[in-house]
Amino acid sequence: MRRARLVLEYFHPWPNSAGFYVARANGWFEEAGIDLDIRTPDPGRGDSLAALVRGDVDFAVFPSNRMLVRRERGEDIRALAAVNQRGLETVRTRVDSGIERLRDLEGRRIALNPTPRGLAVVRDLVVRDGGDPDRVIIVDAGVRELDPADGFGGRADATFGSYWAWDNLLTDYPPHHERVWRVDEHLGVGYHSYLLGAMGSVDPSLASAVTSVAARGYRAAADDPSAAAELLDSVIPYFPERVIARSLEEITPTWFADGIWGTVRPELLGPYARWLAGHRILQRPEEWAGALEPLGVALSA
């Protein structure tokens, strides 16, 4: 039995991780000779990619943009599979804010974690809608997603970053009182929100086994969402069952391209790398292709 350590992408598991848990609970990793250890990042030591590069884990789930930045630094991180085939972030505001379109963010406060990529997304969204991004007031919310129910804590008029398949479901604020824009529908470029990857030195046979079993788990979670929701309720019991079930309903379609889990699409990764370069987040966007150099990984349908 080979031990494989996997770190997820967020502070806690959420339904986007369902495939790993379903596959483990059904004994499919064990059948493949793998003892899968699933963990979450320690914020005091960095994100999932930091854990991967340090060698604390063998596999990680991470945002595609962060992988590309680290690869440009010379870190040989490989994308083994795509967890999501689209972006998940939103811009959200209350109807009573008077913000009716993205260019209306001019002169208004938008709360976000002001990473270079986050700031670039907000600027591009406003520009693409004919607005002046220099007039947008940026509020540093750190990693916290502000809730529209309390008027974003009085700190902002809108937010960027919350996921339509998770964070937006955690509030009891009536959806018809909100305006929500799904970012990848307005940005002009698509992207994989999350990838599964490893360092280039990973054992190819282990990488192949982990990705193939994960594909089986994600298919099973999609085919039987009630069983997946029941399992997740034991993993994240601090969230309401209805939210877990609704999140699974929303997130499941993002897992597959032409019915297959895991396909990393050059037509997403390449243009996204160039978009990041256009905002000076990358200097050598062409290096994205190295993330797909083969390691002998074969996905199951």
C-alpha atoms as a PDB file:
ATOM      1  CA  MET A   1       0.000   0.000   0.000  1.00  0.00           C
ATOM      2  CA  ARG A   2       1.431   3.355  -1.066  1.00  0.00           C
ATOM      3  CA  ARG A   3       0.581   6.445   0.935  1.00  0.00           C
ATOM      4  CA  ALA A   4      -0.462   9.503  -1.068  1.00  0.00           C
ATOM      5  CA  ARG A   5      -0.890  12.847   0.683  1.00  0.00           C
ATOM      6  CA  LEU A   6      -3.354  15.245  -0.944  1.00  0.00           C
ATOM      7  CA  VAL A   7      -3.923  18.851   0.141  1.00  0.00           C
ATOM      8  CA  LEU A   8      -7.127  20.591  -0.893  1.00  0.00           C
ATOM      9  CA  GLU A   9      -7.488  24.153  -2.071  1.00  0.00           C
ATOM     10  CA  TYR A  10      -9.342  25.886   0.745  1.00  0.00           C
ATOM     11  CA  PHE A  11      -9.465  26.366   4.516  1.00  0.00           C
ATOM     12  CA  HIS A  12     -11.934  23.496   4.776  1.00  0.00           C
ATOM     13  CA  PRO A  13     -13.313  20.809   2.456  1.00  0.00           C
ATOM     14  CA  TRP A  14     -16.350  21.788   0.402  1.00  0.00           C
ATOM     15  CA  PRO A  15     -18.373  19.993  -2.286  1.00  0.00           C
ATOM     16  CA  ASN A  16     -15.771  20.652  -4.975  1.00  0.00           C
ATOM     17  CA  SER A  17     -13.701  17.977  -3.204  1.00  0.00           C
ATOM     18  CA  ALA A  18     -16.464  15.367  -3.331  1.00  0.00           C
ATOM     19  CA  GLY A  19     -14.788  13.071  -5.841  1.00  0.00           C
ATOM     20  CA  PHE A  20     -11.795  12.393  -3.624  1.00  0.00           C
ATOM     21  CA  TYR A  21     -13.941  11.594  -0.592  1.00  0.00           C
ATOM     22  CA  VAL A  22     -16.402   9.431  -2.542  1.00  0.00           C
ATOM     23  CA  ALA A  23     -13.590   7.409  -4.107  1.00  0.00           C
ATOM     24  CA  ARG A  24     -11.901   6.894  -0.750  1.00  0.00           C
ATOM     25  CA  ALA A  25     -15.140   5.972   1.039  1.00  0.00           C
ATOM     26  CA  ASN A  26     -15.904   3.376  -1.622  1.00  0.00           C
ATOM     27  CA  GLY A  27     -12.477   1.806  -1.214  1.00  0.00           C
ATOM     28  CA  TRP A  28     -11.338   2.598  -4.756  1.00  0.00           C
ATOM     29  CA  PHE A  29      -8.058   4.164  -3.689  1.00  0.00           C
ATOM     30  CA  GLU A  30      -7.410   1.141  -1.500  1.00  0.00           C
ATOM     31  CA  GLU A  31      -8.162  -1.177  -4.447  1.00  0.00           C
ATOM     32  CA  ALA A  32      -5.488   0.727  -6.381  1.00  0.00           C
ATOM     33  CA  GLY A  33      -3.009   0.164  -3.556  1.00  0.00           C
ATOM     34  CA  ILE A  34      -3.200   3.770  -2.296  1.00  0.00           C
ATOM     35  CA  ASP A  35      -3.710   4.996   1.244  1.00  0.00           C
ATOM     36  CA  LEU A  36      -5.043   8.502   0.550  1.00  0.00           C
ATOM     37  CA  ASP A  37      -4.427  11.138   3.224  1.00  0.00           C
ATOM     38  CA  ILE A  38      -6.633  14.198   2.562  1.00  0.00           C
ATOM     39  CA  ARG A  39      -5.792  17.431   4.338  1.00  0.00           C
ATOM     40  CA  THR A  40      -6.329  21.179   4.100  1.00  0.00           C
ATOM     41  CA  PRO A  41      -3.663  23.926   4.029  1.00  0.00           C
ATOM     42  CA  ASP A  42      -2.261  25.523   7.155  1.00  0.00           C
ATOM     43  CA  PRO A  43      -2.757  29.262   6.433  1.00  0.00           C
ATOM     44  CA  GLY A  44       0.244  30.101   8.585  1.00  0.00           C
ATOM     45  CA  ARG A  45       2.462  28.130   6.211  1.00  0.00           C
ATOM     46  CA  GLY A  46       0.948  29.115   2.887  1.00  0.00           C
ATOM     47  CA  ASP A  47      -1.493  27.710   0.372  1.00  0.00           C
ATOM     48  CA  SER A  48      -1.759  24.241  -1.138  1.00  0.00           C
ATOM     49  CA  LEU A  49       1.007  24.966  -3.647  1.00  0.00           C
ATOM     50  CA  ALA A  50       3.360  26.001  -0.862  1.00  0.00           C
ATOM     51  CA  ALA A  51       2.741  22.648   0.818  1.00  0.00           C
ATOM     52  CA  LEU A  52       3.366  20.832  -2.463  1.00  0.00           C
ATOM     53  CA  VAL A  53       6.612  22.650  -3.241  1.00  0.00           C
ATOM     54  CA  ARG A  54       7.904  22.079   0.312  1.00  0.00           C
ATOM     55  CA  GLY A  55       7.291  18.375  -0.077  1.00  0.00           C
ATOM     56  CA  ASP A  56       4.702  18.204   2.705  1.00  0.00           C
ATOM     57  CA  VAL A  57       2.295  16.500   0.280  1.00  0.00           C
ATOM     58  CA  ASP A  58       2.426  14.521  -2.939  1.00  0.00           C
ATOM     59  CA  PHE A  59      -0.600  16.065  -4.660  1.00  0.00           C
ATOM     60  CA  ALA A  60      -2.441  19.359  -4.404  1.00  0.00           C
ATOM     61  CA  VAL A  61      -5.546  21.104  -5.676  1.00  0.00           C
ATOM     62  CA  PHE A  62      -4.748  24.697  -6.656  1.00  0.00           C
ATOM     63  CA  PRO A  63      -5.829  27.649  -8.812  1.00  0.00           C
ATOM     64  CA  SER A  64      -4.383  27.551 -12.312  1.00  0.00           C
ATOM     65  CA  ASN A  65      -3.060  31.116 -12.121  1.00  0.00           C
ATOM     66  CA  ARG A  66      -0.986  30.389  -9.014  1.00  0.00           C
ATOM     67  CA  MET A  67       0.532  27.338 -10.679  1.00  0.00           C
ATOM     68  CA  LEU A  68       1.549  29.448 -13.681  1.00  0.00           C
ATOM     69  CA  VAL A  69       3.183  32.076 -11.460  1.00  0.00           C
ATOM     70  CA  ARG A  70       5.177  29.437  -9.596  1.00  0.00           C
ATOM     71  CA  ARG A  71       6.231  27.671 -12.787  1.00  0.00           C
ATOM     72  CA  GLU A  72       7.654  30.961 -14.010  1.00  0.00           C
ATOM     73  CA  ARG A  73       9.809  30.995 -10.868  1.00  0.00           C
ATOM     74  CA  GLY A  74      11.252  27.669 -11.959  1.00  0.00           C
ATOM     75  CA  GLU A  75       9.140  25.344  -9.796  1.00  0.00           C
ATOM     76  CA  ASP A  76       8.322  22.215 -11.795  1.00  0.00           C
ATOM     77  CA  ILE A  77       4.634  21.898 -10.971  1.00  0.00           C
ATOM     78  CA  ARG A  78       2.568  19.743 -13.309  1.00  0.00           C
ATOM     79  CA  ALA A  79      -1.160  19.867 -13.980  1.00  0.00           C
ATOM     80  CA  LEU A  80      -2.408  16.290 -13.849  1.00  0.00           C
ATOM     81  CA  ALA A  81      -6.129  16.960 -14.133  1.00  0.00           C
ATOM     82  CA  ALA A  82      -8.664  19.760 -14.124  1.00  0.00           C
ATOM     83  CA  VAL A  83     -11.110  19.718 -11.245  1.00  0.00           C
ATOM     84  CA  ASN A  84     -13.195  22.528 -12.793  1.00  0.00           C
ATOM     85  CA  GLN A  85     -13.768  23.414 -16.421  1.00  0.00           C
ATOM     86  CA  ARG A  86     -14.734  27.015 -15.726  1.00  0.00           C
ATOM     87  CA  GLY A  87     -14.277  29.874 -13.260  1.00  0.00           C
ATOM     88  CA  LEU A  88     -16.323  30.083 -10.083  1.00  0.00           C
ATOM     89  CA  GLU A  89     -15.994  33.671  -8.842  1.00  0.00           C
ATOM     90  CA  THR A  90     -18.696  36.306  -8.843  1.00  0.00           C
ATOM     91  CA  VAL A  91     -19.162  40.001  -8.400  1.00  0.00           C
ATOM     92  CA  ARG A  92     -22.198  40.461  -6.176  1.00  0.00           C
ATOM     93  CA  THR A  93     -24.105  43.460  -4.923  1.00  0.00           C
ATOM     94  CA  ARG A  94     -27.479  44.248  -3.413  1.00  0.00           C
ATOM     95  CA  VAL A  95     -30.247  45.508  -5.672  1.00  0.00           C
ATOM     96  CA  ASP A  96     -30.642  48.508  -3.389  1.00  0.00           C
ATOM     97  CA  SER A  97     -26.996  49.519  -4.042  1.00  0.00           C
ATOM     98  CA  GLY A  98     -27.978  51.037  -7.374  1.00  0.00           C
ATOM     99  CA  ILE A  99     -25.227  49.091  -9.140  1.00  0.00           C
ATOM    100  CA  GLU A 100     -26.985  47.735 -12.205  1.00  0.00           C
ATOM    101  CA  ARG A 101     -24.002  46.852 -14.380  1.00  0.00           C
ATOM    102  CA  LEU A 102     -20.278  46.378 -13.892  1.00  0.00           C
ATOM    103  CA  ARG A 103     -19.309  49.854 -15.037  1.00  0.00           C
ATOM    104  CA  ASP A 104     -21.487  51.202 -12.212  1.00  0.00           C
ATOM    105  CA  LEU A 105     -18.680  50.165  -9.854  1.00  0.00           C
ATOM    106  CA  GLU A 106     -17.127  53.533 -10.699  1.00  0.00           C
ATOM    107  CA  GLY A 107     -17.015  55.569  -7.507  1.00  0.00           C
ATOM    108  CA  ARG A 108     -18.242  52.614  -5.434  1.00  0.00           C
ATOM    109  CA  ARG A 109     -16.524  50.354  -2.918  1.00  0.00           C
ATOM    110  CA  ILE A 110     -15.771  46.767  -3.902  1.00  0.00           C
ATOM    111  CA  ALA A 111     -14.389  44.372  -1.296  1.00  0.00           C
ATOM    112  CA  LEU A 112     -11.916  41.678  -2.269  1.00  0.00           C
ATOM    113  CA  ASN A 113      -8.652  40.034  -1.407  1.00  0.00           C
ATOM    114  CA  PRO A 114      -6.455  42.489  -3.390  1.00  0.00           C
ATOM    115  CA  THR A 115      -4.092  40.021  -5.009  1.00  0.00           C
ATOM    116  CA  PRO A 116      -2.566  41.080  -8.342  1.00  0.00           C
ATOM    117  CA  ARG A 117      -4.899  38.725 -10.148  1.00  0.00           C
ATOM    118  CA  GLY A 118      -7.980  39.869  -8.201  1.00  0.00           C
ATOM    119  CA  LEU A 119      -7.262  43.518  -8.914  1.00  0.00           C
ATOM    120  CA  ALA A 120      -6.681  42.735 -12.596  1.00  0.00           C
ATOM    121  CA  VAL A 121     -10.002  40.900 -12.857  1.00  0.00           C
ATOM    122  CA  VAL A 122     -11.952  43.790 -11.333  1.00  0.00           C
ATOM    123  CA  ARG A 123     -10.210  46.317 -13.599  1.00  0.00           C
ATOM    124  CA  ASP A 124     -10.898  44.243 -16.699  1.00  0.00           C
ATOM    125  CA  LEU A 125     -14.550  43.697 -15.837  1.00  0.00           C
ATOM    126  CA  VAL A 126     -15.098  47.432 -15.456  1.00  0.00           C
ATOM    127  CA  VAL A 127     -13.140  48.307 -18.604  1.00  0.00           C
ATOM    128  CA  ARG A 128     -14.993  45.730 -20.686  1.00  0.00           C
ATOM    129  CA  ASP A 129     -18.273  47.329 -19.635  1.00  0.00           C
ATOM    130  CA  GLY A 130     -17.063  50.792 -20.625  1.00  0.00           C
ATOM    131  CA  GLY A 131     -16.114  52.064 -17.177  1.00  0.00           C
ATOM    132  CA  ASP A 132     -13.058  53.697 -15.641  1.00  0.00           C
ATOM    133  CA  PRO A 133     -11.319  51.214 -13.307  1.00  0.00           C
ATOM    134  CA  ASP A 134      -9.286  53.977 -11.665  1.00  0.00           C
ATOM    135  CA  ARG A 135     -12.500  55.303 -10.151  1.00  0.00           C
ATOM    136  CA  VAL A 136     -13.333  52.025  -8.398  1.00  0.00           C
ATOM    137  CA  ILE A 137     -12.649  52.098  -4.646  1.00  0.00           C
ATOM    138  CA  ILE A 138     -10.870  48.945  -3.500  1.00  0.00           C
ATOM    139  CA  VAL A 139     -11.626  47.637  -0.004  1.00  0.00           C
ATOM    140  CA  ASP A 140      -9.208  45.045   1.381  1.00  0.00           C
ATOM    141  CA  ALA A 141     -11.383  42.282   2.831  1.00  0.00           C
ATOM    142  CA  GLY A 142      -8.537  39.793   3.141  1.00  0.00           C
ATOM    143  CA  VAL A 143      -9.741  36.217   2.761  1.00  0.00           C
ATOM    144  CA  ARG A 144     -13.169  36.871   4.274  1.00  0.00           C
ATOM    145  CA  GLU A 145     -16.226  36.914   2.019  1.00  0.00           C
ATOM    146  CA  LEU A 146     -18.529  39.709   3.199  1.00  0.00           C
ATOM    147  CA  ASP A 147     -22.250  38.975   3.499  1.00  0.00           C
ATOM    148  CA  PRO A 148     -24.864  41.068   1.690  1.00  0.00           C
ATOM    149  CA  ALA A 149     -27.340  40.325   4.493  1.00  0.00           C
ATOM    150  CA  ASP A 150     -25.702  42.956   6.720  1.00  0.00           C
ATOM    151  CA  GLY A 151     -24.872  45.330   3.877  1.00  0.00           C
ATOM    152  CA  PHE A 152     -21.375  43.837   3.558  1.00  0.00           C
ATOM    153  CA  GLY A 153     -20.708  44.930   7.114  1.00  0.00           C
ATOM    154  CA  GLY A 154     -21.060  48.543   6.013  1.00  0.00           C
ATOM    155  CA  ARG A 155     -17.627  48.260   4.409  1.00  0.00           C
ATOM    156  CA  ALA A 156     -18.510  47.919   0.743  1.00  0.00           C
ATOM    157  CA  ASP A 157     -21.155  48.245  -1.938  1.00  0.00           C
ATOM    158  CA  ALA A 158     -20.139  45.062  -3.784  1.00  0.00           C
ATOM    159  CA  THR A 159     -17.723  42.151  -3.497  1.00  0.00           C
ATOM    160  CA  PHE A 160     -15.532  40.149  -5.832  1.00  0.00           C
ATOM    161  CA  GLY A 161     -14.409  36.577  -5.271  1.00  0.00           C
ATOM    162  CA  SER A 162     -17.279  34.666  -3.694  1.00  0.00           C
ATOM    163  CA  TYR A 163     -18.218  31.466  -5.512  1.00  0.00           C
ATOM    164  CA  TRP A 164     -21.674  31.056  -7.023  1.00  0.00           C
ATOM    165  CA  ALA A 165     -21.475  27.358  -6.138  1.00  0.00           C
ATOM    166  CA  TRP A 166     -20.532  27.854  -2.470  1.00  0.00           C
ATOM    167  CA  ASP A 167     -20.095  31.212  -0.693  1.00  0.00           C
ATOM    168  CA  ASN A 168     -23.202  32.720  -2.253  1.00  0.00           C
ATOM    169  CA  LEU A 169     -25.239  29.808  -0.878  1.00  0.00           C
ATOM    170  CA  LEU A 170     -24.124  30.360   2.718  1.00  0.00           C
ATOM    171  CA  THR A 171     -26.214  33.480   3.267  1.00  0.00           C
ATOM    172  CA  ASP A 172     -29.929  33.675   3.974  1.00  0.00           C
ATOM    173  CA  TYR A 173     -30.151  36.948   2.075  1.00  0.00           C
ATOM    174  CA  PRO A 174     -32.904  36.552  -0.561  1.00  0.00           C
ATOM    175  CA  PRO A 175     -31.362  35.924  -3.989  1.00  0.00           C
ATOM    176  CA  HIS A 176     -33.896  38.199  -5.703  1.00  0.00           C
ATOM    177  CA  HIS A 177     -32.493  41.086  -3.659  1.00  0.00           C
ATOM    178  CA  GLU A 178     -29.036  40.568  -5.182  1.00  0.00           C
ATOM    179  CA  ARG A 179     -27.343  41.167  -8.511  1.00  0.00           C
ATOM    180  CA  VAL A 180     -24.674  38.599  -9.296  1.00  0.00           C
ATOM    181  CA  TRP A 181     -22.276  38.456 -12.243  1.00  0.00           C
ATOM    182  CA  ARG A 182     -20.414  35.209 -12.924  1.00  0.00           C
ATOM    183  CA  VAL A 183     -16.947  36.485 -13.691  1.00  0.00           C
ATOM    184  CA  ASP A 184     -15.950  34.121 -16.472  1.00  0.00           C
ATOM    185  CA  GLU A 185     -19.060  35.108 -18.424  1.00  0.00           C
ATOM    186  CA  HIS A 186     -17.896  38.730 -18.567  1.00  0.00           C
ATOM    187  CA  LEU A 187     -14.084  38.580 -18.494  1.00  0.00           C
ATOM    188  CA  GLY A 188     -13.536  37.567 -22.099  1.00  0.00           C
ATOM    189  CA  VAL A 189     -11.307  34.638 -21.143  1.00  0.00           C
ATOM    190  CA  GLY A 190     -12.108  31.282 -19.577  1.00  0.00           C
ATOM    191  CA  TYR A 191     -10.021  29.350 -17.067  1.00  0.00           C
ATOM    192  CA  HIS A 192      -9.878  26.257 -14.913  1.00  0.00           C
ATOM    193  CA  SER A 193     -10.709  27.430 -11.409  1.00  0.00           C
ATOM    194  CA  TYR A 194      -8.864  24.471  -9.880  1.00  0.00           C
ATOM    195  CA  LEU A 195      -6.403  21.852 -11.056  1.00  0.00           C
ATOM    196  CA  LEU A 196      -5.043  18.713  -9.463  1.00  0.00           C
ATOM    197  CA  GLY A 197      -1.281  18.553  -9.722  1.00  0.00           C
ATOM    198  CA  ALA A 198       2.060  17.368  -8.440  1.00  0.00           C
ATOM    199  CA  MET A 199       5.730  18.133  -8.775  1.00  0.00           C
ATOM    200  CA  GLY A 200       7.460  16.872 -11.895  1.00  0.00           C
ATOM    201  CA  SER A 201       9.370  14.372  -9.767  1.00  0.00           C
ATOM    202  CA  VAL A 202       6.202  12.479  -8.797  1.00  0.00           C
ATOM    203  CA  ASP A 203       6.117   8.739  -9.476  1.00  0.00           C
ATOM    204  CA  PRO A 204       4.197   8.534 -12.791  1.00  0.00           C
ATOM    205  CA  SER A 205       2.459   5.308 -11.802  1.00  0.00           C
ATOM    206  CA  LEU A 206       1.222   6.866  -8.564  1.00  0.00           C
ATOM    207  CA  ALA A 207       0.073  10.004 -10.385  1.00  0.00           C
ATOM    208  CA  SER A 208      -1.788   7.887 -12.934  1.00  0.00           C
ATOM    209  CA  ALA A 209      -3.493   5.839 -10.230  1.00  0.00           C
ATOM    210  CA  VAL A 210      -4.542   8.854  -8.163  1.00  0.00           C
ATOM    211  CA  THR A 211      -6.002  10.745 -11.117  1.00  0.00           C
ATOM    212  CA  SER A 212      -7.801   7.713 -12.519  1.00  0.00           C
ATOM    213  CA  VAL A 213      -9.399   6.867  -9.185  1.00  0.00           C
ATOM    214  CA  ALA A 214     -10.313  10.517  -8.637  1.00  0.00           C
ATOM    215  CA  ALA A 215     -12.047  10.530 -12.037  1.00  0.00           C
ATOM    216  CA  ARG A 216     -14.082   7.532 -10.915  1.00  0.00           C
ATOM    217  CA  GLY A 217     -14.971   9.296  -7.676  1.00  0.00           C
ATOM    218  CA  TYR A 218     -16.119  12.479  -9.401  1.00  0.00           C
ATOM    219  CA  ARG A 219     -18.288  10.499 -11.822  1.00  0.00           C
ATOM    220  CA  ALA A 220     -19.865   8.625  -8.897  1.00  0.00           C
ATOM    221  CA  ALA A 221     -20.500  11.865  -6.992  1.00  0.00           C
ATOM    222  CA  ALA A 222     -22.240  13.317 -10.039  1.00  0.00           C
ATOM    223  CA  ASP A 223     -24.294  10.172 -10.632  1.00  0.00           C
ATOM    224  CA  ASP A 224     -25.471   9.894  -7.015  1.00  0.00           C
ATOM    225  CA  PRO A 225     -25.427  13.384  -5.474  1.00  0.00           C
ATOM    226  CA  SER A 226     -27.579  12.371  -2.501  1.00  0.00           C
ATOM    227  CA  ALA A 227     -25.003   9.774  -1.430  1.00  0.00           C
ATOM    228  CA  ALA A 228     -22.208  12.304  -1.991  1.00  0.00           C
ATOM    229  CA  ALA A 229     -24.065  14.896   0.090  1.00  0.00           C
ATOM    230  CA  GLU A 230     -24.548  12.385   2.899  1.00  0.00           C
ATOM    231  CA  LEU A 231     -20.846  11.569   2.900  1.00  0.00           C
ATOM    232  CA  LEU A 232     -19.858  15.254   2.832  1.00  0.00           C
ATOM    233  CA  ASP A 233     -22.170  15.916   5.761  1.00  0.00           C
ATOM    234  CA  SER A 234     -19.847  13.717   7.836  1.00  0.00           C
ATOM    235  CA  VAL A 235     -16.782  15.550   6.509  1.00  0.00           C
ATOM    236  CA  ILE A 236     -18.071  19.127   6.937  1.00  0.00           C
ATOM    237  CA  PRO A 237     -20.888  18.814   9.515  1.00  0.00           C
ATOM    238  CA  TYR A 238     -20.644  22.515  10.378  1.00  0.00           C
ATOM    239  CA  PHE A 239     -22.512  23.486   7.193  1.00  0.00           C
ATOM    240  CA  PRO A 240     -26.261  22.973   6.651  1.00  0.00           C
ATOM    241  CA  GLU A 241     -27.243  19.858   4.722  1.00  0.00           C
ATOM    242  CA  ARG A 242     -29.331  21.932   2.309  1.00  0.00           C
ATOM    243  CA  VAL A 243     -26.302  24.072   1.433  1.00  0.00           C
ATOM    244  CA  ILE A 244     -24.126  21.022   0.774  1.00  0.00           C
ATOM    245  CA  ALA A 245     -26.805  19.495  -1.460  1.00  0.00           C
ATOM    246  CA  ARG A 246     -27.376  22.742  -3.363  1.00  0.00           C
ATOM    247  CA  SER A 247     -23.642  23.287  -3.786  1.00  0.00           C
ATOM    248  CA  LEU A 248     -23.250  19.819  -5.276  1.00  0.00           C
ATOM    249  CA  GLU A 249     -26.066  20.565  -7.701  1.00  0.00           C
ATOM    250  CA  GLU A 250     -24.328  23.769  -8.801  1.00  0.00           C
ATOM    251  CA  ILE A 251     -20.715  22.585  -8.903  1.00  0.00           C
ATOM    252  CA  THR A 252     -21.161  19.174 -10.568  1.00  0.00           C
ATOM    253  CA  PRO A 253     -21.510  20.482 -14.159  1.00  0.00           C
ATOM    254  CA  THR A 254     -18.150  22.282 -13.836  1.00  0.00           C
ATOM    255  CA  TRP A 255     -16.325  18.976 -13.323  1.00  0.00           C
ATOM    256  CA  PHE A 256     -16.705  17.567 -16.823  1.00  0.00           C
ATOM    257  CA  ALA A 257     -15.745  18.401 -20.401  1.00  0.00           C
ATOM    258  CA  ASP A 258     -17.640  16.274 -22.922  1.00  0.00           C
ATOM    259  CA  GLY A 259     -18.613  13.992 -20.059  1.00  0.00           C
ATOM    260  CA  ILE A 260     -15.019  13.355 -18.937  1.00  0.00           C
ATOM    261  CA  TRP A 261     -13.487  14.500 -15.665  1.00  0.00           C
ATOM    262  CA  GLY A 262      -9.965  15.841 -15.571  1.00  0.00           C
ATOM    263  CA  THR A 263      -9.255  17.171 -19.055  1.00  0.00           C
ATOM    264  CA  VAL A 264      -6.832  20.102 -18.881  1.00  0.00           C
ATOM    265  CA  ARG A 265      -7.692  22.133 -21.963  1.00  0.00           C
ATOM    266  CA  PRO A 266      -4.972  24.109 -23.771  1.00  0.00           C
ATOM    267  CA  GLU A 267      -7.693  26.340 -25.198  1.00  0.00           C
ATOM    268  CA  LEU A 268      -8.351  27.512 -21.638  1.00  0.00           C
ATOM    269  CA  LEU A 269      -4.874  27.458 -20.132  1.00  0.00           C
ATOM    270  CA  GLY A 270      -3.056  29.162 -23.012  1.00  0.00           C
ATOM    271  CA  PRO A 271      -5.325  32.220 -23.423  1.00  0.00           C
ATOM    272  CA  TYR A 272      -5.551  32.576 -19.661  1.00  0.00           C
ATOM    273  CA  ALA A 273      -1.750  32.642 -19.392  1.00  0.00           C
ATOM    274  CA  ARG A 274      -1.674  35.357 -22.035  1.00  0.00           C
ATOM    275  CA  TRP A 275      -4.365  37.306 -20.187  1.00  0.00           C
ATOM    276  CA  LEU A 276      -2.271  37.112 -16.999  1.00  0.00           C
ATOM    277  CA  ALA A 277       0.750  38.327 -18.949  1.00  0.00           C
ATOM    278  CA  GLY A 278      -1.288  41.214 -20.290  1.00  0.00           C
ATOM    279  CA  HIS A 279      -1.751  42.308 -16.695  1.00  0.00           C
ATOM    280  CA  ARG A 280       1.946  41.790 -15.860  1.00  0.00           C
ATOM    281  CA  ILE A 281       1.221  38.847 -13.577  1.00  0.00           C
ATOM    282  CA  LEU A 282       3.278  36.612 -15.862  1.00  0.00           C
ATOM    283  CA  GLN A 283       6.292  37.518 -17.957  1.00  0.00           C
ATOM    284  CA  ARG A 284       6.604  34.323 -20.028  1.00  0.00           C
ATOM    285  CA  PRO A 285       3.072  33.121 -20.737  1.00  0.00           C
ATOM    286  CA  GLU A 286       4.257  30.547 -23.238  1.00  0.00           C
ATOM    287  CA  GLU A 287       5.637  28.449 -20.373  1.00  0.00           C
ATOM    288  CA  TRP A 288       2.134  27.201 -19.569  1.00  0.00           C
ATOM    289  CA  ALA A 289       2.717  24.294 -21.962  1.00  0.00           C
ATOM    290  CA  GLY A 290       5.396  22.853 -19.681  1.00  0.00           C
ATOM    291  CA  ALA A 291       2.738  22.232 -17.053  1.00  0.00           C
ATOM    292  CA  LEU A 292       1.210  19.640 -19.375  1.00  0.00           C
ATOM    293  CA  GLU A 293       4.346  17.685 -20.175  1.00  0.00           C
ATOM    294  CA  PRO A 294       3.352  14.018 -19.885  1.00  0.00           C
ATOM    295  CA  LEU A 295       4.021  11.982 -16.786  1.00  0.00           C
ATOM    296  CA  GLY A 296       2.389   8.835 -18.108  1.00  0.00           C
ATOM    297  CA  VAL A 297      -1.009   9.807 -16.661  1.00  0.00           C
ATOM    298  CA  ALA A 298      -4.086   8.267 -18.277  1.00  0.00           C
ATOM    299  CA  LEU A 299      -7.592   9.348 -17.204  1.00  0.00           C
ATOM    300  CA  SER A 300     -10.581   7.069 -17.208  1.00  0.00           C
ATOM    301  CA  ALA A 301     -13.845   8.280 -18.752  1.00  0.00           C
END
